[in-house]
């Protein structure tokens, strides 16, 4: 194991969240998509190393569950850190699309059409 990796594993999750156990917002589900916002001006506060990792991983849209897996952290800890980043304007969040039940008549017509092929 590398030095930085083993040292990173010694950090307790509550340390990453400043002792907080609940997120400040309810915007996040496992499939919420997170994307890093445009770079902040030089006057912005310097993020913690874990926040920097999140921003780097979220250069492209990423689901909360995937982000937690890549960070090897509990989802609850990642969500608390995401709340910090959202409130600082460092990320954008897109909720999952709602899935509507298709019209049964339309499905029947499609089935009949496929049956004629």
C-alpha atoms as a PDB file:
ATOM      1  CA  UNK A   1       0.000   0.000   0.000  1.00  0.00           C
ATOM      2  CA  UNK A   2       1.275   3.490  -0.833  1.00  0.00           C
ATOM      3  CA  UNK A   3       2.029   6.004   1.888  1.00  0.00           C
ATOM      4  CA  UNK A   4      -0.629   8.526   0.930  1.00  0.00           C
ATOM      5  CA  UNK A   5      -3.288   5.829   0.477  1.00  0.00           C
ATOM      6  CA  UNK A   6      -2.640   4.234   3.863  1.00  0.00           C
ATOM      7  CA  UNK A   7      -2.515   7.648   5.544  1.00  0.00           C
ATOM      8  CA  UNK A   8      -5.828   8.597   3.935  1.00  0.00           C
ATOM      9  CA  UNK A   9      -7.505   5.519   5.346  1.00  0.00           C
ATOM     10  CA  UNK A  10      -6.650   6.603   8.901  1.00  0.00           C
ATOM     11  CA  UNK A  11      -8.890   9.672   8.638  1.00  0.00           C
ATOM     12  CA  UNK A  12     -12.178   8.991  10.375  1.00  0.00           C
ATOM     13  CA  UNK A  13     -15.333   9.887   8.420  1.00  0.00           C
ATOM     14  CA  UNK A  14     -16.591  12.204  11.186  1.00  0.00           C
ATOM     15  CA  UNK A  15     -13.390  14.214  10.756  1.00  0.00           C
ATOM     16  CA  UNK A  16     -14.262  14.810   7.095  1.00  0.00           C
ATOM     17  CA  UNK A  17     -17.665  16.181   8.048  1.00  0.00           C
ATOM     18  CA  UNK A  18     -16.555  18.277  11.007  1.00  0.00           C
ATOM     19  CA  UNK A  19     -18.428  15.937  13.343  1.00  0.00           C
ATOM     20  CA  UNK A  20     -21.741  16.403  11.549  1.00  0.00           C
ATOM     21  CA  UNK A  21     -23.869  13.299  11.105  1.00  0.00           C
ATOM     22  CA  UNK A  22     -26.732  14.738   9.040  1.00  0.00           C
ATOM     23  CA  UNK A  23     -26.690  16.648   5.770  1.00  0.00           C
ATOM     24  CA  UNK A  24     -27.869  20.247   5.795  1.00  0.00           C
ATOM     25  CA  UNK A  25     -30.050  19.623   2.739  1.00  0.00           C
ATOM     26  CA  UNK A  26     -32.214  16.835   1.367  1.00  0.00           C
ATOM     27  CA  UNK A  27     -31.266  17.334  -2.315  1.00  0.00           C
ATOM     28  CA  UNK A  28     -29.301  14.123  -2.669  1.00  0.00           C
ATOM     29  CA  UNK A  29     -30.331  10.563  -3.491  1.00  0.00           C
ATOM     30  CA  UNK A  30     -28.070   7.748  -4.632  1.00  0.00           C
ATOM     31  CA  UNK A  31     -28.794   8.597  -8.276  1.00  0.00           C
ATOM     32  CA  UNK A  32     -28.621  12.390  -8.037  1.00  0.00           C
ATOM     33  CA  UNK A  33     -26.108  13.644 -10.599  1.00  0.00           C
ATOM     34  CA  UNK A  34     -23.364  15.986  -9.381  1.00  0.00           C
ATOM     35  CA  UNK A  35     -21.151  18.137 -11.617  1.00  0.00           C
ATOM     36  CA  UNK A  36     -18.343  20.486 -10.632  1.00  0.00           C
ATOM     37  CA  UNK A  37     -19.224  24.126 -11.294  1.00  0.00           C
ATOM     38  CA  UNK A  38     -17.000  26.510 -13.224  1.00  0.00           C
ATOM     39  CA  UNK A  39     -13.737  27.246 -11.420  1.00  0.00           C
ATOM     40  CA  UNK A  40     -14.101  29.641  -8.524  1.00  0.00           C
ATOM     41  CA  UNK A  41     -12.251  32.958  -8.451  1.00  0.00           C
ATOM     42  CA  UNK A  42      -8.959  33.188  -6.584  1.00  0.00           C
ATOM     43  CA  UNK A  43     -10.784  34.830  -3.664  1.00  0.00           C
ATOM     44  CA  UNK A  44     -12.767  31.645  -2.974  1.00  0.00           C
ATOM     45  CA  UNK A  45     -11.830  29.699   0.151  1.00  0.00           C
ATOM     46  CA  UNK A  46      -9.400  26.868  -0.448  1.00  0.00           C
ATOM     47  CA  UNK A  47     -11.307  23.571  -0.297  1.00  0.00           C
ATOM     48  CA  UNK A  48     -10.296  20.649   1.871  1.00  0.00           C
ATOM     49  CA  UNK A  49      -8.372  17.834   0.088  1.00  0.00           C
ATOM     50  CA  UNK A  50     -11.471  15.610   0.053  1.00  0.00           C
ATOM     51  CA  UNK A  51     -13.535  18.407  -1.489  1.00  0.00           C
ATOM     52  CA  UNK A  52     -10.844  18.812  -4.147  1.00  0.00           C
ATOM     53  CA  UNK A  53     -11.070  15.086  -4.927  1.00  0.00           C
ATOM     54  CA  UNK A  54     -14.844  15.369  -5.303  1.00  0.00           C
ATOM     55  CA  UNK A  55     -14.500  18.356  -7.632  1.00  0.00           C
ATOM     56  CA  UNK A  56     -11.927  16.525  -9.737  1.00  0.00           C
ATOM     57  CA  UNK A  57     -14.107  13.403 -10.003  1.00  0.00           C
ATOM     58  CA  UNK A  58     -17.160  15.499 -10.860  1.00  0.00           C
ATOM     59  CA  UNK A  59     -15.553  17.244 -13.821  1.00  0.00           C
ATOM     60  CA  UNK A  60     -18.079  15.107 -15.693  1.00  0.00           C
ATOM     61  CA  UNK A  61     -21.526  14.360 -14.238  1.00  0.00           C
ATOM     62  CA  UNK A  62     -21.420  11.572 -11.685  1.00  0.00           C
ATOM     63  CA  UNK A  63     -24.068   9.901  -9.518  1.00  0.00           C
ATOM     64  CA  UNK A  64     -23.727  10.195  -5.746  1.00  0.00           C
ATOM     65  CA  UNK A  65     -23.461   6.399  -5.343  1.00  0.00           C
ATOM     66  CA  UNK A  66     -20.621   6.163  -7.874  1.00  0.00           C
ATOM     67  CA  UNK A  67     -18.850   9.089  -6.251  1.00  0.00           C
ATOM     68  CA  UNK A  68     -19.014   7.427  -2.827  1.00  0.00           C
ATOM     69  CA  UNK A  69     -17.678   4.186  -4.308  1.00  0.00           C
ATOM     70  CA  UNK A  70     -14.766   5.940  -6.005  1.00  0.00           C
ATOM     71  CA  UNK A  71     -13.930   7.843  -2.817  1.00  0.00           C
ATOM     72  CA  UNK A  72     -14.319   4.651  -0.757  1.00  0.00           C
ATOM     73  CA  UNK A  73     -16.428   6.560   1.772  1.00  0.00           C
ATOM     74  CA  UNK A  74     -19.913   6.017   3.181  1.00  0.00           C
ATOM     75  CA  UNK A  75     -22.649   7.720   1.150  1.00  0.00           C
ATOM     76  CA  UNK A  76     -23.763   9.658   4.233  1.00  0.00           C
ATOM     77  CA  UNK A  77     -20.311  11.246   4.577  1.00  0.00           C
ATOM     78  CA  UNK A  78     -20.128  12.085   0.874  1.00  0.00           C
ATOM     79  CA  UNK A  79     -23.584  13.699   0.990  1.00  0.00           C
ATOM     80  CA  UNK A  80     -22.538  15.961   3.868  1.00  0.00           C
ATOM     81  CA  UNK A  81     -19.462  17.056   1.913  1.00  0.00           C
ATOM     82  CA  UNK A  82     -21.605  17.573  -1.206  1.00  0.00           C
ATOM     83  CA  UNK A  83     -23.916  19.834   0.813  1.00  0.00           C
ATOM     84  CA  UNK A  84     -20.894  21.968   1.721  1.00  0.00           C
ATOM     85  CA  UNK A  85     -19.832  22.195  -1.920  1.00  0.00           C
ATOM     86  CA  UNK A  86     -23.367  22.973  -3.120  1.00  0.00           C
ATOM     87  CA  UNK A  87     -23.804  25.749  -0.564  1.00  0.00           C
ATOM     88  CA  UNK A  88     -20.418  27.201  -1.642  1.00  0.00           C
ATOM     89  CA  UNK A  89     -21.520  27.140  -5.293  1.00  0.00           C
ATOM     90  CA  UNK A  90     -18.791  24.661  -6.244  1.00  0.00           C
ATOM     91  CA  UNK A  91     -21.108  21.989  -7.696  1.00  0.00           C
ATOM     92  CA  UNK A  92     -24.405  21.744  -9.503  1.00  0.00           C
ATOM     93  CA  UNK A  93     -26.946  19.062  -8.730  1.00  0.00           C
ATOM     94  CA  UNK A  94     -29.462  17.469 -11.060  1.00  0.00           C
ATOM     95  CA  UNK A  95     -32.155  15.319  -9.480  1.00  0.00           C
ATOM     96  CA  UNK A  96     -33.023  12.035 -11.149  1.00  0.00           C
ATOM     97  CA  UNK A  97     -35.577  12.220 -13.915  1.00  0.00           C
ATOM     98  CA  UNK A  98     -38.998  11.100 -12.862  1.00  0.00           C
ATOM     99  CA  UNK A  99     -40.196   7.993 -14.612  1.00  0.00           C
ATOM    100  CA  UNK A 100     -43.802   8.007 -15.708  1.00  0.00           C
ATOM    101  CA  UNK A 101     -45.793   4.919 -16.501  1.00  0.00           C
ATOM    102  CA  UNK A 102     -46.314   4.638 -20.257  1.00  0.00           C
ATOM    103  CA  UNK A 103     -49.799   4.746 -21.697  1.00  0.00           C
ATOM    104  CA  UNK A 104     -51.156   1.138 -21.851  1.00  0.00           C
ATOM    105  CA  UNK A 105     -52.985   1.849 -25.139  1.00  0.00           C
ATOM    106  CA  UNK A 106     -49.757   3.055 -26.742  1.00  0.00           C
ATOM    107  CA  UNK A 107     -47.913  -0.032 -25.522  1.00  0.00           C
ATOM    108  CA  UNK A 108     -50.622  -2.281 -26.966  1.00  0.00           C
ATOM    109  CA  UNK A 109     -50.378  -0.506 -30.350  1.00  0.00           C
ATOM    110  CA  UNK A 110     -46.597  -0.915 -30.366  1.00  0.00           C
ATOM    111  CA  UNK A 111     -46.975  -4.602 -29.514  1.00  0.00           C
ATOM    112  CA  UNK A 112     -49.493  -5.114 -32.301  1.00  0.00           C
ATOM    113  CA  UNK A 113     -47.236  -3.253 -34.732  1.00  0.00           C
ATOM    114  CA  UNK A 114     -44.256  -5.397 -33.797  1.00  0.00           C
ATOM    115  CA  UNK A 115     -46.376  -8.507 -34.141  1.00  0.00           C
ATOM    116  CA  UNK A 116     -47.150  -7.554 -37.766  1.00  0.00           C
ATOM    117  CA  UNK A 117     -43.449  -7.411 -38.631  1.00  0.00           C
END
